[in-house]
Amino acid sequence: MKSLPELFTNNEQWRHDIEEEHPGFFKALGEQQSPQYLWIGCADSRVPANEVVGLMPGELFVHRNVANLVNHTDLNLLSVLQFAVDVLKVKHIMVVGHYGCGGVKASMEDVPHGLIDNWLRQVRELYLRNRKHLVKLPDDKAQLDRMCELNVARQVINVSNTTVVQEAWRRDQPLTIHGWIYGIGDGRLRDLDIQIQNNKELRVLENEEYDNTSA
């Protein structure tokens, strides 16, 4: 007897609907995947990557974790990144945060949260570097939203500095890194006007981040 039978019922309806709308879809999908995009996003259940951008299965390669972080010691993320860039030859990597992120919020609080604090350490350090500017914003929500944006920019820098991306650029492989943010309250995806496709553009973003924290 299946546990959670309602989920299996949903699956049957889902695959029926797709096959009816796109005959032969699953047969073709089983033969290959050729996505042009890698989405690095938050694990939050309210941010369904494919649905947010209206793409079908097979069109978007996805990695998700708490607070959409790119850590250089995270072998899971680095393996996904290498497969996406070196094997699938994706042309775009989108780092996608979301407003009201619980992980970012936790990193801004001066109380312990247990094991998760280790994962969020780099976000906590980013917050501490920017705190004197964030407190000038009108309220806690504005501060959190701004931190979510700053975190996306930081992770764009991090992914751009990985050996995988650096090697791709060195061999002139077309690869652009984007910084986006999603609004759970309105379903809108926003471009943070962060787009990097070479080291020259990366250095500009790094300098902008430094200027923002030292002003």
C-alpha atoms as a PDB file:
ATOM      1  CA  MET A   1       0.000   0.000   0.000  1.00  0.00           C
ATOM      2  CA  LYS A   2       1.394   3.387  -0.982  1.00  0.00           C
ATOM      3  CA  SER A   3       1.943   5.932   1.729  1.00  0.00           C
ATOM      4  CA  LEU A   4       0.775   9.493   0.951  1.00  0.00           C
ATOM      5  CA  PRO A   5      -1.561   8.233  -1.805  1.00  0.00           C
ATOM      6  CA  GLU A   6      -2.733  11.762  -2.620  1.00  0.00           C
ATOM      7  CA  LEU A   7       0.744  12.613  -3.938  1.00  0.00           C
ATOM      8  CA  PHE A   8       0.727   9.607  -6.264  1.00  0.00           C
ATOM      9  CA  THR A   9      -2.736  10.622  -7.457  1.00  0.00           C
ATOM     10  CA  ASN A  10      -1.403  14.106  -8.147  1.00  0.00           C
ATOM     11  CA  ASN A  11       1.490  12.591 -10.084  1.00  0.00           C
ATOM     12  CA  GLU A  12      -0.832  10.560 -12.274  1.00  0.00           C
ATOM     13  CA  GLN A  13      -2.874  13.654 -13.081  1.00  0.00           C
ATOM     14  CA  TRP A  14       0.272  15.714 -13.730  1.00  0.00           C
ATOM     15  CA  ARG A  15       1.825  13.267 -16.160  1.00  0.00           C
ATOM     16  CA  HIS A  16      -1.520  12.746 -17.905  1.00  0.00           C
ATOM     17  CA  ASP A  17      -1.960  16.494 -18.381  1.00  0.00           C
ATOM     18  CA  ILE A  18       1.552  16.972 -19.769  1.00  0.00           C
ATOM     19  CA  GLU A  19       1.335  13.997 -22.116  1.00  0.00           C
ATOM     20  CA  GLU A  20      -2.027  15.201 -23.378  1.00  0.00           C
ATOM     21  CA  GLU A  21      -0.695  18.678 -24.067  1.00  0.00           C
ATOM     22  CA  HIS A  22       2.711  17.514 -25.375  1.00  0.00           C
ATOM     23  CA  PRO A  23       2.391  13.988 -26.853  1.00  0.00           C
ATOM     24  CA  GLY A  24       5.657  12.039 -26.556  1.00  0.00           C
ATOM     25  CA  PHE A  25       7.067  14.481 -24.009  1.00  0.00           C
ATOM     26  CA  PHE A  26       8.328  11.903 -21.502  1.00  0.00           C
ATOM     27  CA  LYS A  27       9.815   9.644 -24.172  1.00  0.00           C
ATOM     28  CA  ALA A  28      11.857  12.552 -25.526  1.00  0.00           C
ATOM     29  CA  LEU A  29      12.768  13.695 -22.025  1.00  0.00           C
ATOM     30  CA  GLY A  30      14.082  10.248 -21.157  1.00  0.00           C
ATOM     31  CA  GLU A  31      16.533  10.343 -24.033  1.00  0.00           C
ATOM     32  CA  GLN A  32      18.380  13.537 -23.115  1.00  0.00           C
ATOM     33  CA  GLN A  33      18.410  16.786 -21.176  1.00  0.00           C
ATOM     34  CA  SER A  34      19.794  19.965 -22.679  1.00  0.00           C
ATOM     35  CA  PRO A  35      18.964  22.884 -20.380  1.00  0.00           C
ATOM     36  CA  GLN A  36      20.431  26.284 -21.124  1.00  0.00           C
ATOM     37  CA  TYR A  37      20.068  27.462 -17.530  1.00  0.00           C
ATOM     38  CA  LEU A  38      21.301  26.601 -14.036  1.00  0.00           C
ATOM     39  CA  TRP A  39      19.169  27.963 -11.184  1.00  0.00           C
ATOM     40  CA  ILE A  40      20.884  28.315  -7.801  1.00  0.00           C
ATOM     41  CA  GLY A  41      18.077  29.124  -5.408  1.00  0.00           C
ATOM     42  CA  CYS A  42      16.736  28.826  -1.892  1.00  0.00           C
ATOM     43  CA  ALA A  43      15.242  25.573  -0.616  1.00  0.00           C
ATOM     44  CA  ASP A  44      12.110  27.468   0.476  1.00  0.00           C
ATOM     45  CA  SER A  45       9.064  25.467  -0.633  1.00  0.00           C
ATOM     46  CA  ARG A  46       7.318  28.651  -1.792  1.00  0.00           C
ATOM     47  CA  VAL A  47       9.811  29.226  -4.630  1.00  0.00           C
ATOM     48  CA  PRO A  48       9.217  26.510  -7.292  1.00  0.00           C
ATOM     49  CA  ALA A  49      11.992  27.186  -9.781  1.00  0.00           C
ATOM     50  CA  ASN A  50      10.458  25.771 -12.988  1.00  0.00           C
ATOM     51  CA  GLU A  51       7.065  27.316 -12.377  1.00  0.00           C
ATOM     52  CA  VAL A  52       8.435  30.761 -11.521  1.00  0.00           C
ATOM     53  CA  VAL A  53      10.015  31.079 -14.969  1.00  0.00           C
ATOM     54  CA  GLY A  54       7.454  28.995 -16.852  1.00  0.00           C
ATOM     55  CA  LEU A  55       9.834  26.262 -18.006  1.00  0.00           C
ATOM     56  CA  MET A  56       9.115  22.574 -18.504  1.00  0.00           C
ATOM     57  CA  PRO A  57      11.070  19.681 -16.980  1.00  0.00           C
ATOM     58  CA  GLY A  58      14.375  19.338 -18.801  1.00  0.00           C
ATOM     59  CA  GLU A  59      14.730  23.061 -19.480  1.00  0.00           C
ATOM     60  CA  LEU A  60      16.139  24.187 -16.120  1.00  0.00           C
ATOM     61  CA  PHE A  61      18.938  22.563 -14.113  1.00  0.00           C
ATOM     62  CA  VAL A  62      18.383  23.328 -10.423  1.00  0.00           C
ATOM     63  CA  HIS A  63      20.376  23.454  -7.194  1.00  0.00           C
ATOM     64  CA  ARG A  64      18.716  24.655  -3.997  1.00  0.00           C
ATOM     65  CA  ASN A  65      19.867  25.150  -0.437  1.00  0.00           C
ATOM     66  CA  VAL A  66      19.012  27.324   2.569  1.00  0.00           C
ATOM     67  CA  ALA A  67      19.522  31.001   1.612  1.00  0.00           C
ATOM     68  CA  ASN A  68      20.803  30.168  -1.922  1.00  0.00           C
ATOM     69  CA  LEU A  69      24.441  30.091  -0.828  1.00  0.00           C
ATOM     70  CA  VAL A  70      27.556  29.373  -2.876  1.00  0.00           C
ATOM     71  CA  ASN A  71      30.191  28.038  -0.499  1.00  0.00           C
ATOM     72  CA  HIS A  72      33.558  27.024  -1.915  1.00  0.00           C
ATOM     73  CA  THR A  73      33.642  23.990   0.383  1.00  0.00           C
ATOM     74  CA  ASP A  74      30.202  22.735  -0.687  1.00  0.00           C
ATOM     75  CA  LEU A  75      31.007  19.700  -2.853  1.00  0.00           C
ATOM     76  CA  ASN A  76      27.318  19.197  -3.608  1.00  0.00           C
ATOM     77  CA  LEU A  77      26.967  22.625  -5.204  1.00  0.00           C
ATOM     78  CA  LEU A  78      30.359  22.443  -6.902  1.00  0.00           C
ATOM     79  CA  SER A  79      29.486  19.071  -8.441  1.00  0.00           C
ATOM     80  CA  VAL A  80      26.185  20.440  -9.748  1.00  0.00           C
ATOM     81  CA  LEU A  81      28.002  23.489 -11.082  1.00  0.00           C
ATOM     82  CA  GLN A  82      30.673  21.469 -12.852  1.00  0.00           C
ATOM     83  CA  PHE A  83      28.133  19.115 -14.432  1.00  0.00           C
ATOM     84  CA  ALA A  84      26.019  22.049 -15.592  1.00  0.00           C
ATOM     85  CA  VAL A  85      28.928  23.992 -17.074  1.00  0.00           C
ATOM     86  CA  ASP A  86      31.264  21.276 -18.327  1.00  0.00           C
ATOM     87  CA  VAL A  87      28.784  18.598 -19.409  1.00  0.00           C
ATOM     88  CA  LEU A  88      25.449  20.291 -20.087  1.00  0.00           C
ATOM     89  CA  LYS A  89      27.129  23.483 -21.355  1.00  0.00           C
ATOM     90  CA  VAL A  90      24.557  25.790 -19.798  1.00  0.00           C
ATOM     91  CA  LYS A  91      24.868  29.369 -20.971  1.00  0.00           C
ATOM     92  CA  HIS A  92      23.293  31.102 -17.987  1.00  0.00           C
ATOM     93  CA  ILE A  93      23.581  30.677 -14.225  1.00  0.00           C
ATOM     94  CA  MET A  94      20.945  32.474 -12.185  1.00  0.00           C
ATOM     95  CA  VAL A  95      21.488  33.033  -8.477  1.00  0.00           C
ATOM     96  CA  VAL A  96      17.942  33.597  -7.234  1.00  0.00           C
ATOM     97  CA  GLY A  97      17.135  34.801  -3.743  1.00  0.00           C
ATOM     98  CA  HIS A  98      13.745  35.758  -2.392  1.00  0.00           C
ATOM     99  CA  TYR A  99      12.408  38.492  -0.163  1.00  0.00           C
ATOM    100  CA  GLY A 100      11.637  37.475   3.400  1.00  0.00           C
ATOM    101  CA  CYS A 101      14.194  34.623   3.326  1.00  0.00           C
ATOM    102  CA  GLY A 102      14.188  32.835   6.688  1.00  0.00           C
ATOM    103  CA  GLY A 103      17.851  31.917   6.420  1.00  0.00           C
ATOM    104  CA  VAL A 104      18.885  35.517   5.810  1.00  0.00           C
ATOM    105  CA  LYS A 105      16.609  36.653   8.644  1.00  0.00           C
ATOM    106  CA  ALA A 106      18.232  34.170  11.026  1.00  0.00           C
ATOM    107  CA  SER A 107      21.683  35.482  10.097  1.00  0.00           C
ATOM    108  CA  MET A 108      20.601  38.977  11.157  1.00  0.00           C
ATOM    109  CA  GLU A 109      19.450  37.932  14.628  1.00  0.00           C
ATOM    110  CA  ASP A 110      21.744  38.149  17.641  1.00  0.00           C
ATOM    111  CA  VAL A 111      20.593  34.811  19.039  1.00  0.00           C
ATOM    112  CA  PRO A 112      21.852  31.269  18.397  1.00  0.00           C
ATOM    113  CA  HIS A 113      19.897  28.976  16.054  1.00  0.00           C
ATOM    114  CA  GLY A 114      21.921  25.788  16.376  1.00  0.00           C
ATOM    115  CA  LEU A 115      23.572  23.926  13.520  1.00  0.00           C
ATOM    116  CA  ILE A 116      22.199  26.257  10.855  1.00  0.00           C
ATOM    117  CA  ASP A 117      24.400  29.076  12.182  1.00  0.00           C
ATOM    118  CA  ASN A 118      27.428  27.281  10.738  1.00  0.00           C
ATOM    119  CA  TRP A 119      25.847  27.179   7.291  1.00  0.00           C
ATOM    120  CA  LEU A 120      24.805  30.835   7.502  1.00  0.00           C
ATOM    121  CA  ARG A 121      28.176  32.114   8.724  1.00  0.00           C
ATOM    122  CA  GLN A 122      29.043  33.981   5.521  1.00  0.00           C
ATOM    123  CA  VAL A 123      25.612  35.662   5.471  1.00  0.00           C
ATOM    124  CA  ARG A 124      26.087  36.685   9.089  1.00  0.00           C
ATOM    125  CA  GLU A 125      29.453  38.235   8.219  1.00  0.00           C
ATOM    126  CA  LEU A 126      27.884  40.045   5.257  1.00  0.00           C
ATOM    127  CA  TYR A 127      25.206  41.420   7.570  1.00  0.00           C
ATOM    128  CA  LEU A 128      27.737  42.621  10.142  1.00  0.00           C
ATOM    129  CA  ARG A 129      29.705  44.446   7.437  1.00  0.00           C
ATOM    130  CA  ASN A 130      26.538  46.224   6.284  1.00  0.00           C
ATOM    131  CA  ARG A 131      24.666  46.649   9.558  1.00  0.00           C
ATOM    132  CA  LYS A 132      25.445  50.339  10.060  1.00  0.00           C
ATOM    133  CA  HIS A 133      23.884  51.093   6.670  1.00  0.00           C
ATOM    134  CA  LEU A 134      20.944  48.700   7.065  1.00  0.00           C
ATOM    135  CA  VAL A 135      19.801  50.300  10.334  1.00  0.00           C
ATOM    136  CA  LYS A 136      19.187  53.523   8.420  1.00  0.00           C
ATOM    137  CA  LEU A 137      16.362  51.850   6.497  1.00  0.00           C
ATOM    138  CA  PRO A 138      12.812  52.531   7.720  1.00  0.00           C
ATOM    139  CA  ASP A 139      11.912  49.180   9.312  1.00  0.00           C
ATOM    140  CA  ASP A 140      12.872  45.546   9.845  1.00  0.00           C
ATOM    141  CA  LYS A 141      11.202  44.422   6.629  1.00  0.00           C
ATOM    142  CA  ALA A 142      13.157  46.929   4.540  1.00  0.00           C
ATOM    143  CA  GLN A 143      16.374  45.826   6.232  1.00  0.00           C
ATOM    144  CA  LEU A 144      15.648  42.148   5.576  1.00  0.00           C
ATOM    145  CA  ASP A 145      14.708  42.792   1.944  1.00  0.00           C
ATOM    146  CA  ARG A 146      17.925  44.721   1.383  1.00  0.00           C
ATOM    147  CA  MET A 147      19.971  41.968   3.014  1.00  0.00           C
ATOM    148  CA  CYS A 148      18.335  39.423   0.709  1.00  0.00           C
ATOM    149  CA  GLU A 149      19.486  41.531  -2.259  1.00  0.00           C
ATOM    150  CA  LEU A 150      22.998  41.932  -0.854  1.00  0.00           C
ATOM    151  CA  ASN A 151      23.188  38.183  -0.324  1.00  0.00           C
ATOM    152  CA  VAL A 152      22.325  37.529  -3.973  1.00  0.00           C
ATOM    153  CA  ALA A 153      25.084  39.900  -5.092  1.00  0.00           C
ATOM    154  CA  ARG A 154      27.561  38.158  -2.778  1.00  0.00           C
ATOM    155  CA  GLN A 155      26.644  34.718  -4.123  1.00  0.00           C
ATOM    156  CA  VAL A 156      27.001  35.931  -7.710  1.00  0.00           C
ATOM    157  CA  ILE A 157      30.539  36.959  -6.820  1.00  0.00           C
ATOM    158  CA  ASN A 158      31.153  33.602  -5.161  1.00  0.00           C
ATOM    159  CA  VAL A 159      29.941  31.517  -8.108  1.00  0.00           C
ATOM    160  CA  SER A 160      31.913  33.691 -10.526  1.00  0.00           C
ATOM    161  CA  ASN A 161      35.094  33.022  -8.553  1.00  0.00           C
ATOM    162  CA  THR A 162      34.737  29.233  -8.562  1.00  0.00           C
ATOM    163  CA  THR A 163      37.330  27.297 -10.531  1.00  0.00           C
ATOM    164  CA  VAL A 164      34.518  25.881 -12.701  1.00  0.00           C
ATOM    165  CA  VAL A 165      33.375  29.299 -13.921  1.00  0.00           C
ATOM    166  CA  GLN A 166      36.897  30.688 -14.126  1.00  0.00           C
ATOM    167  CA  GLU A 167      38.004  27.786 -16.321  1.00  0.00           C
ATOM    168  CA  ALA A 168      34.949  28.205 -18.550  1.00  0.00           C
ATOM    169  CA  TRP A 169      35.720  31.873 -19.098  1.00  0.00           C
ATOM    170  CA  ARG A 170      39.386  31.048 -19.694  1.00  0.00           C
ATOM    171  CA  ARG A 171      38.428  28.810 -22.604  1.00  0.00           C
ATOM    172  CA  ASP A 172      35.963  31.454 -23.897  1.00  0.00           C
ATOM    173  CA  GLN A 173      32.900  29.341 -23.185  1.00  0.00           C
ATOM    174  CA  PRO A 174      29.800  31.586 -23.269  1.00  0.00           C
ATOM    175  CA  LEU A 175      28.575  31.786 -19.677  1.00  0.00           C
ATOM    176  CA  THR A 176      26.705  34.592 -17.951  1.00  0.00           C
ATOM    177  CA  ILE A 177      25.970  34.833 -14.225  1.00  0.00           C
ATOM    178  CA  HIS A 178      22.787  36.666 -13.196  1.00  0.00           C
ATOM    179  CA  GLY A 179      21.479  37.960  -9.865  1.00  0.00           C
ATOM    180  CA  TRP A 180      17.694  37.824  -9.447  1.00  0.00           C
ATOM    181  CA  ILE A 181      15.232  37.973  -6.558  1.00  0.00           C
ATOM    182  CA  TYR A 182      11.702  36.652  -6.199  1.00  0.00           C
ATOM    183  CA  GLY A 183       8.813  38.195  -4.307  1.00  0.00           C
ATOM    184  CA  ILE A 184       6.759  35.518  -2.582  1.00  0.00           C
ATOM    185  CA  GLY A 185       4.041  38.053  -1.815  1.00  0.00           C
ATOM    186  CA  ASP A 186       3.395  38.955  -5.450  1.00  0.00           C
ATOM    187  CA  GLY A 187       5.015  36.153  -7.473  1.00  0.00           C
ATOM    188  CA  ARG A 188       7.222  38.613  -9.339  1.00  0.00           C
ATOM    189  CA  LEU A 189      10.778  37.816 -10.384  1.00  0.00           C
ATOM    190  CA  ARG A 190      13.031  40.872 -10.324  1.00  0.00           C
ATOM    191  CA  ASP A 191      16.332  41.398 -12.092  1.00  0.00           C
ATOM    192  CA  LEU A 192      18.805  43.051  -9.708  1.00  0.00           C
ATOM    193  CA  ASP A 193      20.744  44.381 -12.702  1.00  0.00           C
ATOM    194  CA  ILE A 194      23.624  42.027 -11.936  1.00  0.00           C
ATOM    195  CA  GLN A 195      24.999  40.307 -15.013  1.00  0.00           C
ATOM    196  CA  ILE A 196      28.574  39.040 -15.296  1.00  0.00           C
ATOM    197  CA  GLN A 197      30.195  37.270 -18.225  1.00  0.00           C
ATOM    198  CA  ASN A 198      33.899  37.858 -17.660  1.00  0.00           C
ATOM    199  CA  ASN A 199      36.434  38.781 -14.993  1.00  0.00           C
ATOM    200  CA  LYS A 200      36.420  42.467 -15.885  1.00  0.00           C
ATOM    201  CA  GLU A 201      32.723  42.699 -15.028  1.00  0.00           C
ATOM    202  CA  LEU A 202      33.314  40.593 -11.909  1.00  0.00           C
ATOM    203  CA  ARG A 203      35.916  43.044 -10.590  1.00  0.00           C
ATOM    204  CA  VAL A 204      33.465  45.912 -11.074  1.00  0.00           C
ATOM    205  CA  LEU A 205      30.859  44.128  -8.945  1.00  0.00           C
ATOM    206  CA  GLU A 206      33.438  43.277  -6.298  1.00  0.00           C
ATOM    207  CA  ASN A 207      34.510  46.916  -6.117  1.00  0.00           C
ATOM    208  CA  GLU A 208      30.887  48.050  -5.855  1.00  0.00           C
ATOM    209  CA  GLU A 209      30.340  45.675  -2.942  1.00  0.00           C
ATOM    210  CA  TYR A 210      33.432  47.013  -1.185  1.00  0.00           C
ATOM    211  CA  ASP A 211      32.321  50.604  -1.746  1.00  0.00           C
ATOM    212  CA  ASN A 212      28.889  49.862  -0.310  1.00  0.00           C
ATOM    213  CA  THR A 213      30.295  48.405   2.897  1.00  0.00           C
ATOM    214  CA  SER A 214      32.928  51.083   3.465  1.00  0.00           C
ATOM    215  CA  ALA A 215      30.944  54.213   2.633  1.00  0.00           C
END
